Amino acid sequence: MDAAGDKLMDDYREVVAAAEELLKAASGQDAERLQELRGRAEEALRKARARMEDAGFQLEAQVRDHPLAAVGIAAAVGLVVGLLLARK
C-alpha cells in the first residue's frame, strides 16, 4: 500500500507543479504556451483522480475483506482524535 501512496503523492505533486507553472505563465506568456501548460495540468489532474478512485476501490475491498479490523482502526482513530481534542 506504500507504493500506491507514493504514486498518489507523486501525482499530487505533479498537479501542484503544473498549476504553479500555469499561474506563472498566465502573467504574461503567449497563448500557445498557456494552452500547453493547461493541457499538462489537466492531464496530471486526470491521472491523480484516477489514482484516487483506484485507491478508494482498494480501500473498499480491504474493508469488505476485514470488516472487524476496519471497525477497530476507526475506533482507535476516533479515540485518539477525541483525546487530542479534549486536552486543554
PDB file of N, CA and C in Angstrom:
ATOM      1  N   MET A   1       0.826  -1.186   0.000  1.00  0.00           N
ATOM      2  CA  MET A   1       0.000   0.000   0.000  1.00  0.00           C
ATOM      3  C   MET A   1       0.873   1.253   0.000  1.00  0.00           C
ATOM      4  N   ASP A   2       2.108   1.158   0.498  1.00  0.00           N
ATOM      5  CA  ASP A   2       3.000   2.316   0.500  1.00  0.00           C
ATOM      6  C   ASP A   2       3.336   2.758  -0.921  1.00  0.00           C
ATOM      7  N   ALA A   3       3.509   1.801  -1.813  1.00  0.00           N
ATOM      8  CA  ALA A   3       3.823   2.147  -3.199  1.00  0.00           C
ATOM      9  C   ALA A   3       2.671   2.925  -3.821  1.00  0.00           C
ATOM     10  N   ALA A   4       1.446   2.514  -3.531  1.00  0.00           N
ATOM     11  CA  ALA A   4       0.283   3.236  -4.056  1.00  0.00           C
ATOM     12  C   ALA A   4       0.222   4.635  -3.462  1.00  0.00           C
ATOM     13  N   GLY A   5       0.528   4.760  -2.187  1.00  0.00           N
ATOM     14  CA  GLY A   5       0.534   6.077  -1.545  1.00  0.00           C
ATOM     15  C   GLY A   5       1.610   6.974  -2.124  1.00  0.00           C
ATOM     16  N   ASP A   6       2.773   6.393  -2.397  1.00  0.00           N
ATOM     17  CA  ASP A   6       3.859   7.163  -3.005  1.00  0.00           C
ATOM     18  C   ASP A   6       3.477   7.643  -4.399  1.00  0.00           C
ATOM     19  N   LYS A   7       2.853   6.762  -5.183  1.00  0.00           N
ATOM     20  CA  LYS A   7       2.424   7.148  -6.527  1.00  0.00           C
ATOM     21  C   LYS A   7       1.381   8.250  -6.454  1.00  0.00           C
ATOM     22  N   LEU A   8       0.481   8.140  -5.492  1.00  0.00           N
ATOM     23  CA  LEU A   8      -0.562   9.152  -5.334  1.00  0.00           C
ATOM     24  C   LEU A   8       0.052  10.500  -4.966  1.00  0.00           C
ATOM     25  N   MET A   9       1.015  10.505  -4.061  1.00  0.00           N
ATOM     26  CA  MET A   9       1.679  11.746  -3.676  1.00  0.00           C
ATOM     27  C   MET A   9       2.466  12.328  -4.847  1.00  0.00           C
ATOM     28  N   ASP A  10       3.091  11.466  -5.653  1.00  0.00           N
ATOM     29  CA  ASP A  10       3.802  11.944  -6.843  1.00  0.00           C
ATOM     30  C   ASP A  10       2.830  12.618  -7.812  1.00  0.00           C
ATOM     31  N   ASP A  11       1.661  11.995  -7.999  1.00  0.00           N
ATOM     32  CA  ASP A  11       0.651  12.598  -8.874  1.00  0.00           C
ATOM     33  C   ASP A  11       0.180  13.926  -8.308  1.00  0.00           C
ATOM     34  N   TYR A  12      -0.010  13.994  -7.011  1.00  0.00           N
ATOM     35  CA  TYR A  12      -0.447  15.239  -6.379  1.00  0.00           C
ATOM     36  C   TYR A  12       0.602  16.333  -6.581  1.00  0.00           C
ATOM     37  N   ARG A  13       1.870  15.986  -6.375  1.00  0.00           N
ATOM     38  CA  ARG A  13       2.938  16.966  -6.582  1.00  0.00           C
ATOM     39  C   ARG A  13       2.981  17.432  -8.037  1.00  0.00           C
ATOM     40  N   GLU A  14       2.730  16.507  -8.970  1.00  0.00           N
ATOM     41  CA  GLU A  14       2.724  16.859 -10.383  1.00  0.00           C
ATOM     42  C   GLU A  14       1.591  17.840 -10.691  1.00  0.00           C
ATOM     43  N   VAL A  15       0.431  17.613 -10.086  1.00  0.00           N
ATOM     44  CA  VAL A  15      -0.706  18.523 -10.288  1.00  0.00           C
ATOM     45  C   VAL A  15      -0.364  19.906  -9.741  1.00  0.00           C
ATOM     46  N   VAL A  16       0.218  19.946  -8.545  1.00  0.00           N
ATOM     47  CA  VAL A  16       0.568  21.228  -7.938  1.00  0.00           C
ATOM     48  C   VAL A  16       1.620  21.952  -8.775  1.00  0.00           C
ATOM     49  N   ALA A  17       2.618  21.223  -9.233  1.00  0.00           N
ATOM     50  CA  ALA A  17       3.666  21.843 -10.046  1.00  0.00           C
ATOM     51  C   ALA A  17       3.088  22.388 -11.356  1.00  0.00           C
ATOM     52  N   ALA A  18       2.200  21.630 -11.970  1.00  0.00           N
ATOM     53  CA  ALA A  18       1.595  22.093 -13.212  1.00  0.00           C
ATOM     54  C   ALA A  18       0.732  23.327 -12.965  1.00  0.00           C
ATOM     55  N   ALA A  19       0.028  23.351 -11.855  1.00  0.00           N
ATOM     56  CA  ALA A  19      -0.794  24.519 -11.527  1.00  0.00           C
ATOM     57  C   ALA A  19       0.083  25.743 -11.275  1.00  0.00           C
ATOM     58  N   GLU A  20       1.202  25.548 -10.589  1.00  0.00           N
ATOM     59  CA  GLU A  20       2.114  26.666 -10.345  1.00  0.00           C
ATOM     60  C   GLU A  20       2.679  27.204 -11.660  1.00  0.00           C
ATOM     61  N   GLU A  21       3.061  26.309 -12.565  1.00  0.00           N
ATOM     62  CA  GLU A  21       3.573  26.735 -13.865  1.00  0.00           C
ATOM     63  C   GLU A  21       2.500  27.494 -14.645  1.00  0.00           C
ATOM     64  N   LEU A  22       1.273  27.007 -14.542  1.00  0.00           N
ATOM     65  CA  LEU A  22       0.173  27.654 -15.242  1.00  0.00           C
ATOM     66  C   LEU A  22      -0.046  29.071 -14.723  1.00  0.00           C
ATOM     67  N   LEU A  23       0.023  29.239 -13.420  1.00  0.00           N
ATOM     68  CA  LEU A  23      -0.137  30.569 -12.839  1.00  0.00           C
ATOM     69  C   LEU A  23       0.996  31.504 -13.248  1.00  0.00           C
ATOM     70  N   LYS A  24       2.213  30.988 -13.263  1.00  0.00           N
ATOM     71  CA  LYS A  24       3.351  31.808 -13.676  1.00  0.00           C
ATOM     72  C   LYS A  24       3.217  32.207 -15.145  1.00  0.00           C
ATOM     73  N   ALA A  25       2.784  31.257 -15.961  1.00  0.00           N
ATOM     74  CA  ALA A  25       2.664  31.532 -17.391  1.00  0.00           C
ATOM     75  C   ALA A  25       1.533  32.509 -17.673  1.00  0.00           C
ATOM     76  N   ALA A  26       0.534  32.523 -16.848  1.00  0.00           N
ATOM     77  CA  ALA A  26      -0.616  33.400 -17.073  1.00  0.00           C
ATOM     78  C   ALA A  26      -0.253  34.868 -16.891  1.00  0.00           C
ATOM     79  N   SER A  27       0.886  35.122 -16.298  1.00  0.00           N
ATOM     80  CA  SER A  27       1.254  36.505 -16.019  1.00  0.00           C
ATOM     81  C   SER A  27       1.975  37.186 -17.179  1.00  0.00           C
ATOM     82  N   GLY A  28       1.846  36.653 -18.388  1.00  0.00           N
ATOM     83  CA  GLY A  28       2.450  37.383 -19.493  1.00  0.00           C
ATOM     84  C   GLY A  28       2.963  36.526 -20.634  1.00  0.00           C
ATOM     85  N   GLN A  29       2.810  35.238 -20.584  1.00  0.00           N
ATOM     86  CA  GLN A  29       3.294  34.383 -21.668  1.00  0.00           C
ATOM     87  C   GLN A  29       2.292  34.372 -22.817  1.00  0.00           C
ATOM     88  N   ASP A  30       2.721  33.818 -23.915  1.00  0.00           N
ATOM     89  CA  ASP A  30       1.839  33.736 -25.073  1.00  0.00           C
ATOM     90  C   ASP A  30       0.754  32.677 -24.874  1.00  0.00           C
ATOM     91  N   ALA A  31      -0.265  32.743 -25.674  1.00  0.00           N
ATOM     92  CA  ALA A  31      -1.425  31.863 -25.542  1.00  0.00           C
ATOM     93  C   ALA A  31      -1.061  30.407 -25.825  1.00  0.00           C
ATOM     94  N   GLU A  32      -0.127  30.183 -26.728  1.00  0.00           N
ATOM     95  CA  GLU A  32       0.257  28.814 -27.078  1.00  0.00           C
ATOM     96  C   GLU A  32       0.882  28.105 -25.883  1.00  0.00           C
ATOM     97  N   ARG A  33       1.791  28.765 -25.218  1.00  0.00           N
ATOM     98  CA  ARG A  33       2.445  28.189 -24.022  1.00  0.00           C
ATOM     99  C   ARG A  33       1.409  27.968 -22.915  1.00  0.00           C
ATOM    100  N   LEU A  34       0.490  28.887 -22.777  1.00  0.00           N
ATOM    101  CA  LEU A  34      -0.545  28.775 -21.765  1.00  0.00           C
ATOM    102  C   LEU A  34      -1.432  27.555 -22.026  1.00  0.00           C
ATOM    103  N   GLN A  35      -1.782  27.325 -23.290  1.00  0.00           N
ATOM    104  CA  GLN A  35      -2.593  26.157 -23.639  1.00  0.00           C
ATOM    105  C   GLN A  35      -1.839  24.865 -23.349  1.00  0.00           C
ATOM    106  N   GLU A  36      -0.539  24.841 -23.650  1.00  0.00           N
ATOM    107  CA  GLU A  36       0.276  23.655 -23.385  1.00  0.00           C
ATOM    108  C   GLU A  36       0.303  23.345 -21.892  1.00  0.00           C
ATOM    109  N   LEU A  37       0.528  24.372 -21.091  1.00  0.00           N
ATOM    110  CA  LEU A  37       0.576  24.175 -19.648  1.00  0.00           C
ATOM    111  C   LEU A  37      -0.782  23.770 -19.093  1.00  0.00           C
ATOM    112  N   ARG A  38      -1.823  24.336 -19.660  1.00  0.00           N
ATOM    113  CA  ARG A  38      -3.168  23.974 -19.213  1.00  0.00           C
ATOM    114  C   ARG A  38      -3.439  22.499 -19.522  1.00  0.00           C
ATOM    115  N   GLY A  39      -3.033  22.052 -20.689  1.00  0.00           N
ATOM    116  CA  GLY A  39      -3.197  20.647 -21.060  1.00  0.00           C
ATOM    117  C   GLY A  39      -2.441  19.726 -20.122  1.00  0.00           C
ATOM    118  N   ARG A  40      -1.214  20.109 -19.777  1.00  0.00           N
ATOM    119  CA  ARG A  40      -0.426  19.299 -18.841  1.00  0.00           C
ATOM    120  C   ARG A  40      -1.085  19.248 -17.473  1.00  0.00           C
ATOM    121  N   ALA A  41      -1.607  20.381 -17.015  1.00  0.00           N
ATOM    122  CA  ALA A  41      -2.275  20.416 -15.707  1.00  0.00           C
ATOM    123  C   ALA A  41      -3.522  19.543 -15.709  1.00  0.00           C
ATOM    124  N   GLU A  42      -4.292  19.607 -16.803  1.00  0.00           N
ATOM    125  CA  GLU A  42      -5.500  18.780 -16.885  1.00  0.00           C
ATOM    126  C   GLU A  42      -5.154  17.299 -16.921  1.00  0.00           C
ATOM    127  N   GLU A  43      -4.108  16.933 -17.639  1.00  0.00           N
ATOM    128  CA  GLU A  43      -3.696  15.530 -17.708  1.00  0.00           C
ATOM    129  C   GLU A  43      -3.220  15.037 -16.346  1.00  0.00           C
ATOM    130  N   ALA A  44      -2.441  15.858 -15.652  1.00  0.00           N
ATOM    131  CA  ALA A  44      -1.972  15.472 -14.323  1.00  0.00           C
ATOM    132  C   ALA A  44      -3.154  15.316 -13.371  1.00  0.00           C
ATOM    133  N   LEU A  45      -4.134  16.177 -13.486  1.00  0.00           N
ATOM    134  CA  LEU A  45      -5.328  16.085 -12.643  1.00  0.00           C
ATOM    135  C   LEU A  45      -6.116  14.819 -12.956  1.00  0.00           C
ATOM    136  N   ARG A  46      -6.235  14.480 -14.236  1.00  0.00           N
ATOM    137  CA  ARG A  46      -6.925  13.243 -14.606  1.00  0.00           C
ATOM    138  C   ARG A  46      -6.233  12.025 -14.019  1.00  0.00           C
ATOM    139  N   LYS A  47      -4.892  12.010 -14.082  1.00  0.00           N
ATOM    140  CA  LYS A  47      -4.136  10.886 -13.527  1.00  0.00           C
ATOM    141  C   LYS A  47      -4.348  10.779 -12.028  1.00  0.00           C
ATOM    142  N   ALA A  48      -4.261  11.911 -11.339  1.00  0.00           N
ATOM    143  CA  ALA A  48      -4.425  11.909  -9.888  1.00  0.00           C
ATOM    144  C   ALA A  48      -5.837  11.454  -9.510  1.00  0.00           C
ATOM    145  N   ARG A  49      -6.827  11.901 -10.255  1.00  0.00           N
ATOM    146  CA  ARG A  49      -8.210  11.500  -9.969  1.00  0.00           C
ATOM    147  C   ARG A  49      -8.382   9.992 -10.169  1.00  0.00           C
ATOM    148  N   ALA A  50      -7.776   9.449 -11.222  1.00  0.00           N
ATOM    149  CA  ALA A  50      -7.869   8.010 -11.466  1.00  0.00           C
ATOM    150  C   ALA A  50      -7.196   7.228 -10.347  1.00  0.00           C
ATOM    151  N   ARG A  51      -6.058   7.715  -9.865  1.00  0.00           N
ATOM    152  CA  ARG A  51      -5.377   7.029  -8.757  1.00  0.00           C
ATOM    153  C   ARG A  51      -6.201   7.089  -7.485  1.00  0.00           C
ATOM    154  N   MET A  52      -6.851   8.232  -7.257  1.00  0.00           N
ATOM    155  CA  MET A  52      -7.693   8.363  -6.063  1.00  0.00           C
ATOM    156  C   MET A  52      -8.863   7.382  -6.125  1.00  0.00           C
ATOM    157  N   GLU A  53      -9.464   7.243  -7.292  1.00  0.00           N
ATOM    158  CA  GLU A  53     -10.556   6.288  -7.444  1.00  0.00           C
ATOM    159  C   GLU A  53     -10.060   4.875  -7.216  1.00  0.00           C
ATOM    160  N   ASP A  54      -8.879   4.554  -7.770  1.00  0.00           N
ATOM    161  CA  ASP A  54      -8.306   3.227  -7.579  1.00  0.00           C
ATOM    162  C   ASP A  54      -8.008   2.974  -6.103  1.00  0.00           C
ATOM    163  N   ALA A  55      -7.453   3.971  -5.429  1.00  0.00           N
ATOM    164  CA  ALA A  55      -7.166   3.820  -4.002  1.00  0.00           C
ATOM    165  C   ALA A  55      -8.464   3.621  -3.218  1.00  0.00           C
ATOM    166  N   GLY A  56      -9.521   4.318  -3.619  1.00  0.00           N
ATOM    167  CA  GLY A  56     -10.817   4.146  -2.957  1.00  0.00           C
ATOM    168  C   GLY A  56     -11.352   2.738  -3.135  1.00  0.00           C
ATOM    169  N   PHE A  57     -11.223   2.188  -4.338  1.00  0.00           N
ATOM    170  CA  PHE A  57     -11.672   0.822  -4.584  1.00  0.00           C
ATOM    171  C   PHE A  57     -10.853  -0.176  -3.768  1.00  0.00           C
ATOM    172  N   GLN A  58      -9.543   0.049  -3.683  1.00  0.00           N
ATOM    173  CA  GLN A  58      -8.693  -0.836  -2.885  1.00  0.00           C
ATOM    174  C   GLN A  58      -9.066  -0.767  -1.415  1.00  0.00           C
ATOM    175  N   LEU A  59      -9.317   0.432  -0.922  1.00  0.00           N
ATOM    176  CA  LEU A  59      -9.719   0.602   0.471  1.00  0.00           C
ATOM    177  C   LEU A  59     -11.038  -0.093   0.732  1.00  0.00           C
ATOM    178  N   GLU A  60     -11.985   0.056  -0.171  1.00  0.00           N
ATOM    179  CA  GLU A  60     -13.281  -0.593  -0.002  1.00  0.00           C
ATOM    180  C   GLU A  60     -13.132  -2.113   0.025  1.00  0.00           C
ATOM    181  N   ALA A  61     -12.273  -2.636  -0.836  1.00  0.00           N
ATOM    182  CA  ALA A  61     -12.041  -4.081  -0.861  1.00  0.00           C
ATOM    183  C   ALA A  61     -11.421  -4.554   0.454  1.00  0.00           C
ATOM    184  N   GLN A  62     -10.469  -3.796   0.988  1.00  0.00           N
ATOM    185  CA  GLN A  62      -9.849  -4.169   2.253  1.00  0.00           C
ATOM    186  C   GLN A  62     -10.862  -4.157   3.391  1.00  0.00           C
ATOM    187  N   VAL A  63     -11.742  -3.155   3.400  1.00  0.00           N
ATOM    188  CA  VAL A  63     -12.751  -3.072   4.447  1.00  0.00           C
ATOM    189  C   VAL A  63     -13.722  -4.233   4.327  1.00  0.00           C
ATOM    190  N   ARG A  64     -14.104  -4.583   3.108  1.00  0.00           N
ATOM    191  CA  ARG A  64     -15.012  -5.722   2.923  1.00  0.00           C
ATOM    192  C   ARG A  64     -14.343  -7.036   3.318  1.00  0.00           C
ATOM    193  N   ASP A  65     -13.048  -7.166   3.065  1.00  0.00           N
ATOM    194  CA  ASP A  65     -12.324  -8.392   3.424  1.00  0.00           C
ATOM    195  C   ASP A  65     -12.082  -8.495   4.928  1.00  0.00           C
ATOM    196  N   HIS A  66     -11.883  -7.366   5.590  1.00  0.00           N
ATOM    197  CA  HIS A  66     -11.540  -7.344   7.018  1.00  0.00           C
ATOM    198  C   HIS A  66     -12.394  -6.309   7.754  1.00  0.00           C
ATOM    199  N   PRO A  67     -13.693  -6.581   7.897  1.00  0.00           N
ATOM    200  CA  PRO A  67     -14.568  -5.565   8.491  1.00  0.00           C
ATOM    201  C   PRO A  67     -14.262  -5.272   9.961  1.00  0.00           C
ATOM    202  N   LEU A  68     -13.912  -6.288  10.732  1.00  0.00           N
ATOM    203  CA  LEU A  68     -13.628  -6.049  12.153  1.00  0.00           C
ATOM    204  C   LEU A  68     -12.359  -5.223  12.341  1.00  0.00           C
ATOM    205  N   ALA A  69     -11.375  -5.466  11.522  1.00  0.00           N
ATOM    206  CA  ALA A  69     -10.154  -4.676  11.605  1.00  0.00           C
ATOM    207  C   ALA A  69     -10.454  -3.221  11.250  1.00  0.00           C
ATOM    208  N   ALA A  70     -11.301  -3.012  10.237  1.00  0.00           N
ATOM    209  CA  ALA A  70     -11.651  -1.644   9.837  1.00  0.00           C
ATOM    210  C   ALA A  70     -12.382  -0.926  10.964  1.00  0.00           C
ATOM    211  N   VAL A  71     -13.299  -1.621  11.633  1.00  0.00           N
ATOM    212  CA  VAL A  71     -14.027  -1.014  12.754  1.00  0.00           C
ATOM    213  C   VAL A  71     -13.063  -0.706  13.894  1.00  0.00           C
ATOM    214  N   GLY A  72     -12.144  -1.611  14.178  1.00  0.00           N
ATOM    215  CA  GLY A  72     -11.160  -1.394  15.239  1.00  0.00           C
ATOM    216  C   GLY A  72     -10.261  -0.203  14.946  1.00  0.00           C
ATOM    217  N   ILE A  73      -9.814  -0.092  13.722  1.00  0.00           N
ATOM    218  CA  ILE A  73      -8.953   1.034  13.342  1.00  0.00           C
ATOM    219  C   ILE A  73      -9.722   2.340  13.439  1.00  0.00           C
ATOM    220  N   ALA A  74     -10.968   2.339  12.953  1.00  0.00           N
ATOM    221  CA  ALA A  74     -11.777   3.557  13.027  1.00  0.00           C
ATOM    222  C   ALA A  74     -12.025   3.956  14.479  1.00  0.00           C
ATOM    223  N   ALA A  75     -12.269   2.985  15.347  1.00  0.00           N
ATOM    224  CA  ALA A  75     -12.486   3.282  16.759  1.00  0.00           C
ATOM    225  C   ALA A  75     -11.218   3.843  17.393  1.00  0.00           C
ATOM    226  N   ALA A  76     -10.078   3.268  17.075  1.00  0.00           N
ATOM    227  CA  ALA A  76      -8.813   3.748  17.637  1.00  0.00           C
ATOM    228  C   ALA A  76      -8.518   5.176  17.170  1.00  0.00           C
ATOM    229  N   VAL A  77      -8.742   5.445  15.908  1.00  0.00           N
ATOM    230  CA  VAL A  77      -8.519   6.797  15.388  1.00  0.00           C
ATOM    231  C   VAL A  77      -9.468   7.773  16.067  1.00  0.00           C
ATOM    232  N   GLY A  78     -10.729   7.381  16.223  1.00  0.00           N
ATOM    233  CA  GLY A  78     -11.704   8.234  16.906  1.00  0.00           C
ATOM    234  C   GLY A  78     -11.313   8.511  18.340  1.00  0.00           C
ATOM    235  N   LEU A  79     -10.803   7.502  19.023  1.00  0.00           N
ATOM    236  CA  LEU A  79     -10.365   7.665  20.412  1.00  0.00           C
ATOM    237  C   LEU A  79      -9.197   8.642  20.492  1.00  0.00           C
ATOM    238  N   VAL A  80      -8.219   8.485  19.619  1.00  0.00           N
ATOM    239  CA  VAL A  80      -7.048   9.371  19.620  1.00  0.00           C
ATOM    240  C   VAL A  80      -7.461  10.807  19.311  1.00  0.00           C
ATOM    241  N   VAL A  81      -8.310  10.980  18.307  1.00  0.00           N
ATOM    242  CA  VAL A  81      -8.767  12.333  17.961  1.00  0.00           C
ATOM    243  C   VAL A  81      -9.556  12.930  19.114  1.00  0.00           C
ATOM    244  N   GLY A  82     -10.407  12.130  19.747  1.00  0.00           N
ATOM    245  CA  GLY A  82     -11.170  12.609  20.896  1.00  0.00           C
ATOM    246  C   GLY A  82     -10.282  13.017  22.050  1.00  0.00           C
ATOM    247  N   LEU A  83      -9.259  12.225  22.323  1.00  0.00           N
ATOM    248  CA  LEU A  83      -8.329  12.570  23.392  1.00  0.00           C
ATOM    249  C   LEU A  83      -7.557  13.853  23.086  1.00  0.00           C
ATOM    250  N   LEU A  84      -7.145  14.003  21.830  1.00  0.00           N
ATOM    251  CA  LEU A  84      -6.407  15.212  21.442  1.00  0.00           C
ATOM    252  C   LEU A  84      -7.297  16.456  21.520  1.00  0.00           C
ATOM    253  N   LEU A  85      -8.546  16.317  21.137  1.00  0.00           N
ATOM    254  CA  LEU A  85      -9.452  17.457  21.184  1.00  0.00           C
ATOM    255  C   LEU A  85      -9.875  17.804  22.604  1.00  0.00           C
ATOM    256  N   ALA A  86      -9.877  16.809  23.500  1.00  0.00           N
ATOM    257  CA  ALA A  86     -10.311  17.036  24.878  1.00  0.00           C
ATOM    258  C   ALA A  86      -9.210  17.691  25.718  1.00  0.00           C
ATOM    259  N   ARG A  87      -7.970  17.602  25.268  1.00  0.00           N
ATOM    260  CA  ARG A  87      -6.866  18.216  26.026  1.00  0.00           C
ATOM    261  C   ARG A  87      -6.992  19.721  25.998  1.00  0.00           C
ATOM    262  N   LYS A  88      -6.610  20.325  27.085  1.00  0.00           N
ATOM    263  CA  LYS A  88      -6.676  21.789  27.139  1.00  0.00           C
ATOM    264  C   LYS A  88      -5.305  22.385  27.195  1.00  0.00           C
TER     265      LYS A  88
END
